[in-house]
Amino acid sequence: MKHTARAIILRNKKVLLVTGYNASTYWTPGGGIEEGETPLQALDREIMEELGAKVVSATPYMSYTYRKRQVEKYIVEIDRDITVGHEITGILWYDKDTEVKTSDGFMIKVVPKLLKEGLME
């Protein structure tokens, strides 16, 4: 089972989503945890690679299994404005009215919790 660490970065009750080369969906930044890494180390590495920023704080938010993946989600603050890294081709700030295709795990597992807790509109 693949193990991933992903960031929920919030601004004005919207969630940062990213997309990559030839992708048809958007997802939360982050990625696979490499051998010997902790989830937080992986998150630090992925945020720097994808967004050109350092993680200032990462608070565990939720953990779930979806489609043979163990996903660790953190509420994350970063140290600067985003600069799209070499793995990412686009970003957007997502709310419930945004009309883009997102990853199924984000839509099914994360969005309902964010809405219920008032973190996203």
PDB file of N, CA and C in Angstrom:
ATOM      1  N   MET A   1       0.856  -1.183   0.000  1.00  0.00           N
ATOM      2  CA  MET A   1       0.000   0.000   0.000  1.00  0.00           C
ATOM      3  C   MET A   1       0.896   1.238   0.000  1.00  0.00           C
ATOM      4  N   LYS A   2       0.605   2.163  -0.871  1.00  0.00           N
ATOM      5  CA  LYS A   2       1.348   3.414  -0.946  1.00  0.00           C
ATOM      6  C   LYS A   2       0.938   4.321   0.209  1.00  0.00           C
ATOM      7  N   HIS A   3       1.907   5.020   0.788  1.00  0.00           N
ATOM      8  CA  HIS A   3       1.661   5.917   1.912  1.00  0.00           C
ATOM      9  C   HIS A   3       2.004   7.334   1.466  1.00  0.00           C
ATOM     10  N   THR A   4       1.074   8.265   1.625  1.00  0.00           N
ATOM     11  CA  THR A   4       1.286   9.637   1.176  1.00  0.00           C
ATOM     12  C   THR A   4       1.021  10.641   2.295  1.00  0.00           C
ATOM     13  N   ALA A   5       1.666  11.798   2.180  1.00  0.00           N
ATOM     14  CA  ALA A   5       1.433  12.932   3.082  1.00  0.00           C
ATOM     15  C   ALA A   5       0.997  14.105   2.222  1.00  0.00           C
ATOM     16  N   ARG A   6      -0.107  14.735   2.592  1.00  0.00           N
ATOM     17  CA  ARG A   6      -0.676  15.806   1.780  1.00  0.00           C
ATOM     18  C   ARG A   6      -1.048  17.002   2.644  1.00  0.00           C
ATOM     19  N   ALA A   7      -0.953  18.186   2.029  1.00  0.00           N
ATOM     20  CA  ALA A   7      -1.194  19.448   2.731  1.00  0.00           C
ATOM     21  C   ALA A   7      -2.555  20.023   2.385  1.00  0.00           C
ATOM     22  N   ILE A   8      -3.237  20.478   3.410  1.00  0.00           N
ATOM     23  CA  ILE A   8      -4.427  21.300   3.238  1.00  0.00           C
ATOM     24  C   ILE A   8      -3.976  22.714   3.594  1.00  0.00           C
ATOM     25  N   ILE A   9      -3.816  23.538   2.569  1.00  0.00           N
ATOM     26  CA  ILE A   9      -3.398  24.925   2.751  1.00  0.00           C
ATOM     27  C   ILE A   9      -4.635  25.777   2.509  1.00  0.00           C
ATOM     28  N   LEU A  10      -5.031  26.541   3.517  1.00  0.00           N
ATOM     29  CA  LEU A  10      -6.275  27.317   3.470  1.00  0.00           C
ATOM     30  C   LEU A  10      -5.992  28.804   3.336  1.00  0.00           C
ATOM     31  N   ARG A  11      -6.858  29.456   2.556  1.00  0.00           N
ATOM     32  CA  ARG A  11      -6.840  30.917   2.445  1.00  0.00           C
ATOM     33  C   ARG A  11      -8.270  31.364   2.175  1.00  0.00           C
ATOM     34  N   ASN A  12      -8.786  32.217   3.033  1.00  0.00           N
ATOM     35  CA  ASN A  12     -10.157  32.734   2.872  1.00  0.00           C
ATOM     36  C   ASN A  12     -11.172  31.613   2.671  1.00  0.00           C
ATOM     37  N   LYS A  13     -11.030  30.548   3.452  1.00  0.00           N
ATOM     38  CA  LYS A  13     -11.931  29.386   3.420  1.00  0.00           C
ATOM     39  C   LYS A  13     -11.930  28.670   2.070  1.00  0.00           C
ATOM     40  N   LYS A  14     -10.797  28.756   1.380  1.00  0.00           N
ATOM     41  CA  LYS A  14     -10.576  28.001   0.149  1.00  0.00           C
ATOM     42  C   LYS A  14      -9.329  27.149   0.337  1.00  0.00           C
ATOM     43  N   VAL A  15      -9.274  26.030  -0.378  1.00  0.00           N
ATOM     44  CA  VAL A  15      -8.174  25.075  -0.263  1.00  0.00           C
ATOM     45  C   VAL A  15      -7.321  25.131  -1.524  1.00  0.00           C
ATOM     46  N   LEU A  16      -6.011  25.186  -1.333  1.00  0.00           N
ATOM     47  CA  LEU A  16      -5.092  25.170  -2.461  1.00  0.00           C
ATOM     48  C   LEU A  16      -5.067  23.784  -3.093  1.00  0.00           C
ATOM     49  N   LEU A  17      -5.311  23.735  -4.396  1.00  0.00           N
ATOM     50  CA  LEU A  17      -5.174  22.500  -5.167  1.00  0.00           C
ATOM     51  C   LEU A  17      -4.166  22.728  -6.277  1.00  0.00           C
ATOM     52  N   VAL A  18      -3.513  21.662  -6.688  1.00  0.00           N
ATOM     53  CA  VAL A  18      -2.494  21.737  -7.735  1.00  0.00           C
ATOM     54  C   VAL A  18      -2.798  20.705  -8.813  1.00  0.00           C
ATOM     55  N   THR A  19      -2.171  20.898  -9.971  1.00  0.00           N
ATOM     56  CA  THR A  19      -2.254  19.921 -11.047  1.00  0.00           C
ATOM     57  C   THR A  19      -0.887  19.820 -11.702  1.00  0.00           C
ATOM     58  N   GLY A  20      -0.693  18.749 -12.452  1.00  0.00           N
ATOM     59  CA  GLY A  20       0.608  18.514 -13.068  1.00  0.00           C
ATOM     60  C   GLY A  20       0.493  18.233 -14.552  1.00  0.00           C
ATOM     61  N   TYR A  21       1.616  17.917 -15.140  1.00  0.00           N
ATOM     62  CA  TYR A  21       1.710  17.677 -16.582  1.00  0.00           C
ATOM     63  C   TYR A  21       0.721  16.606 -17.035  1.00  0.00           C
ATOM     64  N   ASN A  22      -0.070  16.939 -18.050  1.00  0.00           N
ATOM     65  CA  ASN A  22      -1.038  16.025 -18.665  1.00  0.00           C
ATOM     66  C   ASN A  22      -2.074  15.462 -17.699  1.00  0.00           C
ATOM     67  N   ALA A  23      -2.271  16.086 -16.555  1.00  0.00           N
ATOM     68  CA  ALA A  23      -3.266  15.621 -15.588  1.00  0.00           C
ATOM     69  C   ALA A  23      -4.620  16.235 -15.909  1.00  0.00           C
ATOM     70  N   SER A  24      -5.658  15.485 -15.630  1.00  0.00           N
ATOM     71  CA  SER A  24      -7.014  15.994 -15.862  1.00  0.00           C
ATOM     72  C   SER A  24      -7.702  16.378 -14.560  1.00  0.00           C
ATOM     73  N   THR A  25      -6.994  16.248 -13.435  1.00  0.00           N
ATOM     74  CA  THR A  25      -7.582  16.552 -12.136  1.00  0.00           C
ATOM     75  C   THR A  25      -6.670  17.465 -11.331  1.00  0.00           C
ATOM     76  N   TYR A  26      -7.232  17.990 -10.249  1.00  0.00           N
ATOM     77  CA  TYR A  26      -6.488  18.771  -9.259  1.00  0.00           C
ATOM     78  C   TYR A  26      -6.481  17.990  -7.944  1.00  0.00           C
ATOM     79  N   TRP A  27      -5.450  18.207  -7.125  1.00  0.00           N
ATOM     80  CA  TRP A  27      -5.310  17.499  -5.862  1.00  0.00           C
ATOM     81  C   TRP A  27      -4.580  18.386  -4.867  1.00  0.00           C
ATOM     82  N   THR A  28      -4.578  17.970  -3.617  1.00  0.00           N
ATOM     83  CA  THR A  28      -3.838  18.719  -2.595  1.00  0.00           C
ATOM     84  C   THR A  28      -2.350  18.451  -2.757  1.00  0.00           C
ATOM     85  N   PRO A  29      -1.494  19.456  -2.495  1.00  0.00           N
ATOM     86  CA  PRO A  29      -0.058  19.267  -2.646  1.00  0.00           C
ATOM     87  C   PRO A  29       0.474  18.210  -1.676  1.00  0.00           C
ATOM     88  N   GLY A  30       1.530  17.571  -2.077  1.00  0.00           N
ATOM     89  CA  GLY A  30       2.157  16.535  -1.269  1.00  0.00           C
ATOM     90  C   GLY A  30       2.459  15.339  -2.135  1.00  0.00           C
ATOM     91  N   GLY A  31       2.800  14.228  -1.507  1.00  0.00           N
ATOM     92  CA  GLY A  31       3.108  13.052  -2.295  1.00  0.00           C
ATOM     93  C   GLY A  31       3.574  11.892  -1.450  1.00  0.00           C
ATOM     94  N   GLY A  32       4.231  10.962  -2.117  1.00  0.00           N
ATOM     95  CA  GLY A  32       4.635   9.718  -1.493  1.00  0.00           C
ATOM     96  C   GLY A  32       5.698   9.887  -0.423  1.00  0.00           C
ATOM     97  N   ILE A  33       5.573   9.059   0.587  1.00  0.00           N
ATOM     98  CA  ILE A  33       6.559   9.013   1.660  1.00  0.00           C
ATOM     99  C   ILE A  33       7.619   7.998   1.248  1.00  0.00           C
ATOM    100  N   GLU A  34       8.855   8.465   1.139  1.00  0.00           N
ATOM    101  CA  GLU A  34       9.941   7.593   0.716  1.00  0.00           C
ATOM    102  C   GLU A  34      10.467   6.788   1.892  1.00  0.00           C
ATOM    103  N   GLU A  35      11.126   5.675   1.584  1.00  0.00           N
ATOM    104  CA  GLU A  35      11.673   4.811   2.624  1.00  0.00           C
ATOM    105  C   GLU A  35      12.588   5.611   3.549  1.00  0.00           C
ATOM    106  N   GLY A  36      12.373   5.451   4.843  1.00  0.00           N
ATOM    107  CA  GLY A  36      13.177   6.154   5.839  1.00  0.00           C
ATOM    108  C   GLY A  36      12.650   7.523   6.220  1.00  0.00           C
ATOM    109  N   GLU A  37      11.635   8.026   5.520  1.00  0.00           N
ATOM    110  CA  GLU A  37      11.054   9.338   5.825  1.00  0.00           C
ATOM    111  C   GLU A  37       9.869   9.190   6.765  1.00  0.00           C
ATOM    112  N   THR A  38       9.663  10.204   7.582  1.00  0.00           N
ATOM    113  CA  THR A  38       8.415  10.317   8.327  1.00  0.00           C
ATOM    114  C   THR A  38       7.416  11.053   7.426  1.00  0.00           C
ATOM    115  N   PRO A  39       6.135  10.996   7.742  1.00  0.00           N
ATOM    116  CA  PRO A  39       5.173  11.770   6.950  1.00  0.00           C
ATOM    117  C   PRO A  39       5.509  13.262   6.916  1.00  0.00           C
ATOM    118  N   LEU A  40       5.966  13.825   8.026  1.00  0.00           N
ATOM    119  CA  LEU A  40       6.288  15.256   8.044  1.00  0.00           C
ATOM    120  C   LEU A  40       7.526  15.573   7.210  1.00  0.00           C
ATOM    121  N   GLN A  41       8.504  14.699   7.209  1.00  0.00           N
ATOM    122  CA  GLN A  41       9.670  14.913   6.358  1.00  0.00           C
ATOM    123  C   GLN A  41       9.265  14.873   4.882  1.00  0.00           C
ATOM    124  N   ALA A  42       8.405  13.930   4.528  1.00  0.00           N
ATOM    125  CA  ALA A  42       7.922  13.844   3.152  1.00  0.00           C
ATOM    126  C   ALA A  42       7.143  15.099   2.783  1.00  0.00           C
ATOM    127  N   LEU A  43       6.311  15.573   3.694  1.00  0.00           N
ATOM    128  CA  LEU A  43       5.526  16.778   3.445  1.00  0.00           C
ATOM    129  C   LEU A  43       6.434  17.981   3.223  1.00  0.00           C
ATOM    130  N   ASP A  44       7.443  18.139   4.071  1.00  0.00           N
ATOM    131  CA  ASP A  44       8.405  19.236   3.897  1.00  0.00           C
ATOM    132  C   ASP A  44       9.053  19.175   2.512  1.00  0.00           C
ATOM    133  N   ARG A  45       9.514  17.997   2.134  1.00  0.00           N
ATOM    134  CA  ARG A  45      10.194  17.824   0.843  1.00  0.00           C
ATOM    135  C   ARG A  45       9.247  18.132  -0.316  1.00  0.00           C
ATOM    136  N   GLU A  46       8.060  17.573  -0.267  1.00  0.00           N
ATOM    137  CA  GLU A  46       7.103  17.742  -1.364  1.00  0.00           C
ATOM    138  C   GLU A  46       6.646  19.194  -1.512  1.00  0.00           C
ATOM    139  N   ILE A  47       6.416  19.884  -0.404  1.00  0.00           N
ATOM    140  CA  ILE A  47       5.972  21.283  -0.470  1.00  0.00           C
ATOM    141  C   ILE A  47       7.067  22.153  -1.082  1.00  0.00           C
ATOM    142  N   MET A  48       8.308  21.895  -0.742  1.00  0.00           N
ATOM    143  CA  MET A  48       9.411  22.647  -1.345  1.00  0.00           C
ATOM    144  C   MET A  48       9.497  22.346  -2.839  1.00  0.00           C
ATOM    145  N   GLU A  49       9.410  21.083  -3.224  1.00  0.00           N
ATOM    146  CA  GLU A  49       9.489  20.708  -4.637  1.00  0.00           C
ATOM    147  C   GLU A  49       8.336  21.283  -5.449  1.00  0.00           C
ATOM    148  N   GLU A  50       7.134  21.203  -4.903  1.00  0.00           N
ATOM    149  CA  GLU A  50       5.943  21.582  -5.664  1.00  0.00           C
ATOM    150  C   GLU A  50       5.618  23.069  -5.594  1.00  0.00           C
ATOM    151  N   LEU A  51       5.853  23.703  -4.430  1.00  0.00           N
ATOM    152  CA  LEU A  51       5.396  25.078  -4.226  1.00  0.00           C
ATOM    153  C   LEU A  51       6.519  26.063  -3.959  1.00  0.00           C
ATOM    154  N   GLY A  52       7.740  25.588  -3.814  1.00  0.00           N
ATOM    155  CA  GLY A  52       8.865  26.469  -3.534  1.00  0.00           C
ATOM    156  C   GLY A  52       8.777  27.151  -2.188  1.00  0.00           C
ATOM    157  N   ALA A  53       8.132  26.500  -1.230  1.00  0.00           N
ATOM    158  CA  ALA A  53       7.925  27.085   0.098  1.00  0.00           C
ATOM    159  C   ALA A  53       8.312  26.084   1.173  1.00  0.00           C
ATOM    160  N   LYS A  54       8.566  26.619   2.364  1.00  0.00           N
ATOM    161  CA  LYS A  54       8.847  25.773   3.515  1.00  0.00           C
ATOM    162  C   LYS A  54       7.599  25.679   4.385  1.00  0.00           C
ATOM    163  N   VAL A  55       7.426  24.529   4.994  1.00  0.00           N
ATOM    164  CA  VAL A  55       6.324  24.328   5.933  1.00  0.00           C
ATOM    165  C   VAL A  55       6.683  25.015   7.243  1.00  0.00           C
ATOM    166  N   VAL A  56       5.807  25.925   7.681  1.00  0.00           N
ATOM    167  CA  VAL A  56       5.981  26.619   8.955  1.00  0.00           C
ATOM    168  C   VAL A  56       5.329  25.805  10.072  1.00  0.00           C
ATOM    169  N   SER A  57       4.143  25.292   9.791  1.00  0.00           N
ATOM    170  CA  SER A  57       3.457  24.432  10.757  1.00  0.00           C
ATOM    171  C   SER A  57       2.634  23.402  10.001  1.00  0.00           C
ATOM    172  N   ALA A  58       2.499  22.235  10.609  1.00  0.00           N
ATOM    173  CA  ALA A  58       1.703  21.152  10.029  1.00  0.00           C
ATOM    174  C   ALA A  58       0.972  20.458  11.175  1.00  0.00           C
ATOM    175  N   THR A  59      -0.346  20.600  11.180  1.00  0.00           N
ATOM    176  CA  THR A  59      -1.178  20.004  12.218  1.00  0.00           C
ATOM    177  C   THR A  59      -1.922  18.815  11.629  1.00  0.00           C
ATOM    178  N   PRO A  60      -1.775  17.627  12.223  1.00  0.00           N
ATOM    179  CA  PRO A  60      -2.513  16.471  11.699  1.00  0.00           C
ATOM    180  C   PRO A  60      -4.002  16.783  11.626  1.00  0.00           C
ATOM    181  N   TYR A  61      -4.609  16.470  10.491  1.00  0.00           N
ATOM    182  CA  TYR A  61      -6.029  16.757  10.300  1.00  0.00           C
ATOM    183  C   TYR A  61      -6.849  15.482  10.154  1.00  0.00           C
ATOM    184  N   MET A  62      -6.407  14.589   9.286  1.00  0.00           N
ATOM    185  CA  MET A  62      -7.121  13.335   9.129  1.00  0.00           C
ATOM    186  C   MET A  62      -6.222  12.309   8.451  1.00  0.00           C
ATOM    187  N   SER A  63      -6.558  11.062   8.676  1.00  0.00           N
ATOM    188  CA  SER A  63      -5.844   9.956   8.069  1.00  0.00           C
ATOM    189  C   SER A  63      -6.895   8.987   7.542  1.00  0.00           C
ATOM    190  N   TYR A  64      -6.703   8.507   6.320  1.00  0.00           N
ATOM    191  CA  TYR A  64      -7.672   7.577   5.758  1.00  0.00           C
ATOM    192  C   TYR A  64      -7.014   6.682   4.714  1.00  0.00           C
ATOM    193  N   THR A  65      -7.685   5.592   4.434  1.00  0.00           N
ATOM    194  CA  THR A  65      -7.250   4.683   3.382  1.00  0.00           C
ATOM    195  C   THR A  65      -8.234   4.816   2.234  1.00  0.00           C
ATOM    196  N   TYR A  66      -7.687   4.967   1.040  1.00  0.00           N
ATOM    197  CA  TYR A  66      -8.537   5.111  -0.139  1.00  0.00           C
ATOM    198  C   TYR A  66      -7.791   4.547  -1.343  1.00  0.00           C
ATOM    199  N   ARG A  67      -8.425   3.624  -2.038  1.00  0.00           N
ATOM    200  CA  ARG A  67      -7.840   3.007  -3.238  1.00  0.00           C
ATOM    201  C   ARG A  67      -6.381   2.575  -3.038  1.00  0.00           C
ATOM    202  N   LYS A  68      -6.181   1.750  -2.041  1.00  0.00           N
ATOM    203  CA  LYS A  68      -4.867   1.174  -1.750  1.00  0.00           C
ATOM    204  C   LYS A  68      -3.803   2.214  -1.409  1.00  0.00           C
ATOM    205  N   ARG A  69      -4.247   3.330  -0.840  1.00  0.00           N
ATOM    206  CA  ARG A  69      -3.329   4.368  -0.374  1.00  0.00           C
ATOM    207  C   ARG A  69      -3.685   4.732   1.056  1.00  0.00           C
ATOM    208  N   GLN A  70      -2.654   4.852   1.868  1.00  0.00           N
ATOM    209  CA  GLN A  70      -2.824   5.401   3.210  1.00  0.00           C
ATOM    210  C   GLN A  70      -2.461   6.874   3.104  1.00  0.00           C
ATOM    211  N   VAL A  71      -3.413   7.747   3.397  1.00  0.00           N
ATOM    212  CA  VAL A  71      -3.237   9.187   3.200  1.00  0.00           C
ATOM    213  C   VAL A  71      -3.235   9.895   4.549  1.00  0.00           C
ATOM    214  N   GLU A  72      -2.189  10.684   4.770  1.00  0.00           N
ATOM    215  CA  GLU A  72      -2.081  11.529   5.961  1.00  0.00           C
ATOM    216  C   GLU A  72      -2.294  12.971   5.505  1.00  0.00           C
ATOM    217  N   LYS A  73      -3.316  13.618   6.024  1.00  0.00           N
ATOM    218  CA  LYS A  73      -3.605  15.014   5.678  1.00  0.00           C
ATOM    219  C   LYS A  73      -3.266  15.914   6.856  1.00  0.00           C
ATOM    220  N   TYR A  74      -2.622  17.034   6.545  1.00  0.00           N
ATOM    221  CA  TYR A  74      -2.218  18.015   7.545  1.00  0.00           C
ATOM    222  C   TYR A  74      -2.741  19.389   7.142  1.00  0.00           C
ATOM    223  N   ILE A  75      -3.175  20.166   8.127  1.00  0.00           N
ATOM    224  CA  ILE A  75      -3.426  21.588   7.897  1.00  0.00           C
ATOM    225  C   ILE A  75      -2.047  22.239   7.953  1.00  0.00           C
ATOM    226  N   VAL A  76      -1.673  22.910   6.870  1.00  0.00           N
ATOM    227  CA  VAL A  76      -0.303  23.403   6.724  1.00  0.00           C
ATOM    228  C   VAL A  76      -0.281  24.907   6.508  1.00  0.00           C
ATOM    229  N   GLU A  77       0.675  25.561   7.154  1.00  0.00           N
ATOM    230  CA  GLU A  77       1.010  26.947   6.859  1.00  0.00           C
ATOM    231  C   GLU A  77       2.380  26.943   6.204  1.00  0.00           C
ATOM    232  N   ILE A  78       2.529  27.778   5.182  1.00  0.00           N
ATOM    233  CA  ILE A  78       3.818  27.876   4.500  1.00  0.00           C
ATOM    234  C   ILE A  78       4.408  29.262   4.709  1.00  0.00           C
ATOM    235  N   ASP A  79       5.695  29.399   4.411  1.00  0.00           N
ATOM    236  CA  ASP A  79       6.422  30.617   4.765  1.00  0.00           C
ATOM    237  C   ASP A  79       6.398  31.724   3.724  1.00  0.00           C
ATOM    238  N   ARG A  80       5.851  31.480   2.552  1.00  0.00           N
ATOM    239  CA  ARG A  80       5.889  32.527   1.521  1.00  0.00           C
ATOM    240  C   ARG A  80       4.833  32.262   0.455  1.00  0.00           C
ATOM    241  N   ASP A  81       4.737  33.185  -0.483  1.00  0.00           N
ATOM    242  CA  ASP A  81       3.847  32.986  -1.613  1.00  0.00           C
ATOM    243  C   ASP A  81       4.321  31.792  -2.429  1.00  0.00           C
ATOM    244  N   ILE A  82       3.420  31.204  -3.123  1.00  0.00           N
ATOM    245  CA  ILE A  82       3.692  29.988  -3.888  1.00  0.00           C
ATOM    246  C   ILE A  82       4.402  30.315  -5.193  1.00  0.00           C
ATOM    247  N   THR A  83       5.401  29.509  -5.508  1.00  0.00           N
ATOM    248  CA  THR A  83       5.998  29.522  -6.842  1.00  0.00           C
ATOM    249  C   THR A  83       5.880  28.102  -7.363  1.00  0.00           C
ATOM    250  N   VAL A  84       5.258  27.958  -8.493  1.00  0.00           N
ATOM    251  CA  VAL A  84       5.016  26.632  -9.045  1.00  0.00           C
ATOM    252  C   VAL A  84       6.350  25.949  -9.324  1.00  0.00           C
ATOM    253  N   GLY A  85       6.504  24.740  -8.777  1.00  0.00           N
ATOM    254  CA  GLY A  85       7.734  23.968  -8.944  1.00  0.00           C
ATOM    255  C   GLY A  85       7.738  23.161 -10.228  1.00  0.00           C
ATOM    256  N   HIS A  86       8.758  22.348 -10.387  1.00  0.00           N
ATOM    257  CA  HIS A  86       8.923  21.591 -11.624  1.00  0.00           C
ATOM    258  C   HIS A  86       7.893  20.481 -11.810  1.00  0.00           C
ATOM    259  N   GLU A  87       7.215  20.059 -10.748  1.00  0.00           N
ATOM    260  CA  GLU A  87       6.235  18.984 -10.848  1.00  0.00           C
ATOM    261  C   GLU A  87       4.810  19.498 -11.083  1.00  0.00           C
ATOM    262  N   ILE A  88       4.599  20.773 -10.868  1.00  0.00           N
ATOM    263  CA  ILE A  88       3.258  21.357 -10.883  1.00  0.00           C
ATOM    264  C   ILE A  88       3.131  22.330 -12.054  1.00  0.00           C
ATOM    265  N   THR A  89       1.995  22.273 -12.757  1.00  0.00           N
ATOM    266  CA  THR A  89       1.769  23.182 -13.878  1.00  0.00           C
ATOM    267  C   THR A  89       0.678  24.211 -13.602  1.00  0.00           C
ATOM    268  N   GLY A  90      -0.069  24.013 -12.513  1.00  0.00           N
ATOM    269  CA  GLY A  90      -1.120  24.971 -12.208  1.00  0.00           C
ATOM    270  C   GLY A  90      -1.625  24.828 -10.790  1.00  0.00           C
ATOM    271  N   ILE A  91      -2.176  25.919 -10.276  1.00  0.00           N
ATOM    272  CA  ILE A  91      -2.772  25.928  -8.942  1.00  0.00           C
ATOM    273  C   ILE A  91      -4.123  26.624  -9.018  1.00  0.00           C
ATOM    274  N   LEU A  92      -4.961  26.361  -8.035  1.00  0.00           N
ATOM    275  CA  LEU A  92      -6.208  27.109  -7.883  1.00  0.00           C
ATOM    276  C   LEU A  92      -6.639  27.032  -6.439  1.00  0.00           C
ATOM    277  N   TRP A  93      -7.463  28.000  -6.044  1.00  0.00           N
ATOM    278  CA  TRP A  93      -8.031  28.020  -4.700  1.00  0.00           C
ATOM    279  C   TRP A  93      -9.461  27.498  -4.824  1.00  0.00           C
ATOM    280  N   TYR A  94      -9.726  26.387  -4.189  1.00  0.00           N
ATOM    281  CA  TYR A  94     -10.958  25.621  -4.358  1.00  0.00           C
ATOM    282  C   TYR A  94     -11.960  25.901  -3.236  1.00  0.00           C
ATOM    283  N   ASP A  95     -13.219  26.132  -3.639  1.00  0.00           N
ATOM    284  CA  ASP A  95     -14.333  26.106  -2.700  1.00  0.00           C
ATOM    285  C   ASP A  95     -15.427  25.249  -3.315  1.00  0.00           C
ATOM    286  N   LYS A  96     -16.531  25.075  -2.610  1.00  0.00           N
ATOM    287  CA  LYS A  96     -17.564  24.134  -3.084  1.00  0.00           C
ATOM    288  C   LYS A  96     -18.187  24.537  -4.417  1.00  0.00           C
ATOM    289  N   ASP A  97     -18.013  25.780  -4.833  1.00  0.00           N
ATOM    290  CA  ASP A  97     -18.587  26.228  -6.100  1.00  0.00           C
ATOM    291  C   ASP A  97     -17.605  26.161  -7.269  1.00  0.00           C
ATOM    292  N   THR A  98     -16.365  25.764  -7.003  1.00  0.00           N
ATOM    293  CA  THR A  98     -15.360  25.673  -8.058  1.00  0.00           C
ATOM    294  C   THR A  98     -15.668  24.488  -8.959  1.00  0.00           C
ATOM    295  N   GLU A  99     -15.664  24.733 -10.254  1.00  0.00           N
ATOM    296  CA  GLU A  99     -16.013  23.678 -11.206  1.00  0.00           C
ATOM    297  C   GLU A  99     -14.772  23.147 -11.911  1.00  0.00           C
ATOM    298  N   VAL A 100     -14.045  22.287 -11.200  1.00  0.00           N
ATOM    299  CA  VAL A 100     -12.925  21.548 -11.778  1.00  0.00           C
ATOM    300  C   VAL A 100     -13.017  20.121 -11.264  1.00  0.00           C
ATOM    301  N   LYS A 101     -12.381  19.225 -11.971  1.00  0.00           N
ATOM    302  CA  LYS A 101     -12.331  17.844 -11.524  1.00  0.00           C
ATOM    303  C   LYS A 101     -11.216  17.709 -10.496  1.00  0.00           C
ATOM    304  N   THR A 102     -11.561  17.181  -9.326  1.00  0.00           N
ATOM    305  CA  THR A 102     -10.582  16.961  -8.272  1.00  0.00           C
ATOM    306  C   THR A 102     -10.367  15.466  -8.088  1.00  0.00           C
ATOM    307  N   SER A 103      -9.338  15.121  -7.337  1.00  0.00           N
ATOM    308  CA  SER A 103      -9.117  13.711  -7.019  1.00  0.00           C
ATOM    309  C   SER A 103     -10.317  13.198  -6.226  1.00  0.00           C
ATOM    310  N   ASP A 104     -10.669  11.944  -6.449  1.00  0.00           N
ATOM    311  CA  ASP A 104     -11.829  11.364  -5.775  1.00  0.00           C
ATOM    312  C   ASP A 104     -11.664  11.356  -4.264  1.00  0.00           C
ATOM    313  N   GLY A 105     -10.465  11.019  -3.794  1.00  0.00           N
ATOM    314  CA  GLY A 105     -10.232  10.988  -2.351  1.00  0.00           C
ATOM    315  C   GLY A 105     -10.485  12.340  -1.705  1.00  0.00           C
ATOM    316  N   PHE A 106     -10.037  13.415  -2.347  1.00  0.00           N
ATOM    317  CA  PHE A 106     -10.272  14.757  -1.833  1.00  0.00           C
ATOM    318  C   PHE A 106     -11.765  15.043  -1.763  1.00  0.00           C
ATOM    319  N   MET A 107     -12.481  14.751  -2.842  1.00  0.00           N
ATOM    320  CA  MET A 107     -13.906  15.063  -2.900  1.00  0.00           C
ATOM    321  C   MET A 107     -14.724  14.223  -1.920  1.00  0.00           C
ATOM    322  N   ILE A 108     -14.403  12.949  -1.809  1.00  0.00           N
ATOM    323  CA  ILE A 108     -15.202  12.036  -0.992  1.00  0.00           C
ATOM    324  C   ILE A 108     -14.831  12.105   0.487  1.00  0.00           C
ATOM    325  N   LYS A 109     -13.566  12.187   0.789  1.00  0.00           N
ATOM    326  CA  LYS A 109     -13.104  12.098   2.177  1.00  0.00           C
ATOM    327  C   LYS A 109     -12.878  13.456   2.839  1.00  0.00           C
ATOM    328  N   VAL A 110     -12.299  14.409   2.116  1.00  0.00           N
ATOM    329  CA  VAL A 110     -11.824  15.647   2.744  1.00  0.00           C
ATOM    330  C   VAL A 110     -12.859  16.762   2.700  1.00  0.00           C
ATOM    331  N   VAL A 111     -13.446  17.008   1.549  1.00  0.00           N
ATOM    332  CA  VAL A 111     -14.383  18.131   1.402  1.00  0.00           C
ATOM    333  C   VAL A 111     -15.527  18.084   2.413  1.00  0.00           C
ATOM    334  N   PRO A 112     -16.194  16.948   2.620  1.00  0.00           N
ATOM    335  CA  PRO A 112     -17.290  16.953   3.605  1.00  0.00           C
ATOM    336  C   PRO A 112     -16.840  17.365   5.010  1.00  0.00           C
ATOM    337  N   LYS A 113     -15.662  16.928   5.413  1.00  0.00           N
ATOM    338  CA  LYS A 113     -15.157  17.285   6.748  1.00  0.00           C
ATOM    339  C   LYS A 113     -14.811  18.773   6.824  1.00  0.00           C
ATOM    340  N   LEU A 114     -14.163  19.300   5.792  1.00  0.00           N
ATOM    341  CA  LEU A 114     -13.830  20.725   5.773  1.00  0.00           C
ATOM    342  C   LEU A 114     -15.093  21.586   5.823  1.00  0.00           C
ATOM    343  N   LEU A 115     -16.108  21.200   5.067  1.00  0.00           N
ATOM    344  CA  LEU A 115     -17.372  21.961   5.060  1.00  0.00           C
ATOM    345  C   LEU A 115     -18.059  21.878   6.418  1.00  0.00           C
ATOM    346  N   LYS A 116     -18.130  20.670   6.973  1.00  0.00           N
ATOM    347  CA  LYS A 116     -18.804  20.474   8.256  1.00  0.00           C
ATOM    348  C   LYS A 116     -18.130  21.295   9.358  1.00  0.00           C
ATOM    349  N   GLU A 117     -16.798  21.396   9.310  1.00  0.00           N
ATOM    350  CA  GLU A 117     -16.073  22.111  10.354  1.00  0.00           C
ATOM    351  C   GLU A 117     -15.913  23.603  10.059  1.00  0.00           C
ATOM    352  N   GLY A 118     -16.492  24.067   8.941  1.00  0.00           N
ATOM    353  CA  GLY A 118     -16.452  25.488   8.603  1.00  0.00           C
ATOM    354  C   GLY A 118     -15.107  25.988   8.148  1.00  0.00           C
ATOM    355  N   LEU A 119     -14.218  25.094   7.767  1.00  0.00           N
ATOM    356  CA  LEU A 119     -12.896  25.508   7.286  1.00  0.00           C
ATOM    357  C   LEU A 119     -12.916  25.876   5.814  1.00  0.00           C
ATOM    358  N   MET A 120     -13.934  25.404   5.095  1.00  0.00           N
ATOM    359  CA  MET A 120     -14.076  25.699   3.672  1.00  0.00           C
ATOM    360  C   MET A 120     -15.527  26.090   3.421  1.00  0.00           C
ATOM    361  N   GLU A 121     -15.696  26.973   2.452  1.00  0.00           N
ATOM    362  CA  GLU A 121     -17.076  27.362   2.060  1.00  0.00           C
ATOM    363  C   GLU A 121     -17.352  26.861   0.666  1.00  0.00           C
TER     364      GLU A 121
END
